[in-house]
Protein backbone atom coordinates (compact mmCIF):
# COMPACT_ATOMS: atom_id res chain seq x y z
CA MET A 1 0.11 0.10 0.14
CA VAL A 2 1.33 3.58 -0.88
CA ASN A 3 1.83 5.90 2.12
CA ARG A 4 -0.02 9.14 0.95
CA TYR A 5 1.15 11.11 3.90
CA PRO A 6 4.67 11.81 5.36
CA ARG A 7 5.61 10.35 8.70
CA TRP A 8 5.28 13.64 10.40
CA TRP A 9 1.59 14.03 9.49
CA SER A 10 0.45 11.77 12.29
CA LEU A 11 1.96 13.93 14.78
CA TYR A 12 0.57 16.89 13.08
CA ILE A 13 -2.93 15.29 13.43
CA VAL A 14 -2.36 14.48 17.34
CA ALA A 15 -1.30 17.93 18.00
CA LYS A 16 -4.27 19.60 15.93
CA SER A 17 -6.47 17.36 18.11
CA PHE A 18 -4.85 18.16 21.42
CA PHE A 19 -5.24 21.68 20.58
CA TYR A 20 -9.04 21.51 19.49
CA VAL A 21 -9.64 19.65 22.68
CA ALA A 22 -7.45 21.18 25.35
CA GLY A 23 -6.27 24.36 23.78
CA ILE A 24 -9.68 25.77 22.53
CA ILE A 25 -11.28 24.73 26.16
CA SER A 26 -8.76 26.37 28.10
CA LEU A 27 -8.50 29.32 26.14
CA VAL A 28 -12.28 30.08 26.44
CA PHE A 29 -11.96 29.37 30.14
CA TYR A 30 -9.18 31.56 30.84
CA GLY A 31 -10.56 34.39 28.51
CA VAL A 32 -13.76 34.62 30.42
CA ILE A 33 -12.00 34.30 33.84
CA TYR A 34 -9.44 37.10 33.20
CA THR A 35 -11.69 39.43 31.18
CA ALA A 36 -14.33 39.01 33.97
CA ALA A 37 -11.81 39.82 36.49
CA ALA A 38 -10.33 42.64 34.51
CA LEU A 39 -13.53 44.32 33.93
CA THR A 40 -15.39 44.03 37.32
CA ASN A 41 -12.26 44.45 39.65
CA ASP A 42 -11.71 48.07 40.67
CA TYR A 43 -7.91 47.35 41.26
CA SER A 44 -7.33 45.12 38.32
CA THR A 45 -3.88 44.98 36.79
CA TYR A 46 -2.77 45.52 33.39
CA SER A 47 -1.56 41.81 33.11
CA GLU A 48 -5.30 40.75 33.76
CA TYR A 49 -6.10 42.73 30.56
CA VAL A 50 -3.41 41.37 28.59
CA ILE A 51 -3.92 37.73 29.65
CA GLY A 52 -7.73 38.07 29.11
CA PHE A 53 -7.69 39.64 25.69
CA GLY A 54 -4.66 37.76 24.56
CA CYS A 55 -6.62 34.50 25.06
CA TRP A 56 -9.48 36.10 22.71
CA THR A 57 -7.18 36.91 20.23
CA LEU A 58 -5.35 33.61 20.38
CA LEU A 59 -8.83 31.77 20.05
CA PHE A 60 -10.20 33.97 17.08
CA ALA A 61 -7.05 34.62 15.15
CA PRO A 62 -6.63 31.11 13.19
CA PHE A 63 -10.15 31.37 12.23
CA ILE A 64 -9.77 34.91 10.81
CA LEU A 65 -6.49 34.11 9.12
CA ASN A 66 -7.91 31.13 7.68
CA TYR A 67 -11.03 32.86 6.63
CA SER A 68 -9.05 35.42 4.77
CA ILE A 69 -6.64 33.00 3.07
CA ALA A 70 -9.85 31.03 1.57
CA LYS A 71 -11.13 34.39 0.50
CA LYS A 72 -8.27 35.03 -1.38
CA ARG A 73 -7.90 31.88 -3.00
CA LYS A 74 -11.47 31.97 -4.07
CA GLN A 75 -10.76 35.45 -5.85
CA LYS A 76 -7.72 33.69 -7.62
CA ILE A 77 -10.03 30.77 -8.65
CA GLN A 78 -12.75 33.17 -9.88
CA SER A 79 -10.24 35.16 -11.94
CA VAL A 80 -8.87 32.05 -13.74
CA LEU A 81 -12.53 31.00 -14.31
CA SER A 82 -13.53 34.15 -15.93
CA GLU A 83 -10.46 33.82 -18.08
CA ILE A 84 -11.31 30.26 -19.27
CA ARG A 85 -15.01 31.44 -19.64
CA ALA A 86 -13.91 34.29 -21.82
CA THR A 87 -12.48 31.62 -24.44
CA GLY A 88 -15.86 30.37 -24.92
CA HIS A 89 -14.87 26.62 -24.28
CA PHE A 90 -16.12 26.26 -21.01
CA ASN A 91 -19.50 28.00 -19.70
CA PRO A 92 -21.42 26.02 -17.10
CA THR A 93 -24.82 26.95 -15.81
CA LYS A 94 -25.35 28.16 -12.06
CA ASP A 95 -26.92 24.74 -11.54
CA SER A 96 -24.00 22.62 -12.47
CA GLU A 97 -21.39 24.55 -10.36
CA GLY A 98 -20.37 23.79 -6.86
CA TRP A 99 -17.94 25.58 -4.47
CA LEU A 100 -16.35 24.21 -1.12
CA PHE A 101 -15.18 27.44 0.29
CA TRP A 102 -13.01 26.12 3.11
CA LYS A 103 -11.29 23.59 0.81
CA ASN A 104 -10.99 26.35 -1.85
CA THR A 105 -12.49 23.87 -4.26
CA TYR A 106 -14.32 24.44 -7.33
CA ILE A 107 -16.21 21.94 -9.43
CA GLY A 108 -18.35 22.78 -12.74
CA PHE A 109 -19.80 20.91 -15.53
CA ASP A 110 -20.60 22.26 -18.90
CA TYR A 111 -23.25 20.01 -20.27
CA ARG A 112 -23.77 22.03 -23.73
CA LYS A 113 -20.00 21.35 -24.46
CA ALA A 114 -19.28 18.46 -22.80
CA SER A 115 -16.54 19.55 -20.63
């Protein structure tokens, strides 16, 4: 059987799963605790604000980064599609097109020209 992934891929999957389970839960927990402590305490320190809002930043930054990368790739794919459609060899209808936004995947069938 052919191995499709490199050896380090399994370690990456384990680390990613650990982050999803332990990292997200702990960032939400500490974010809520430190933000509440910083906003409700009259004698809150600068470090409480930094830790509280730092947890929220670390929690949302990867999702915002992935969204912006996916949006840029979608624009690139759309520009390539518009160039291909300008040739007249490929012009699918809206019903025969599909987008997977997070995977940056486009699939389209042109039934009139069989392509």
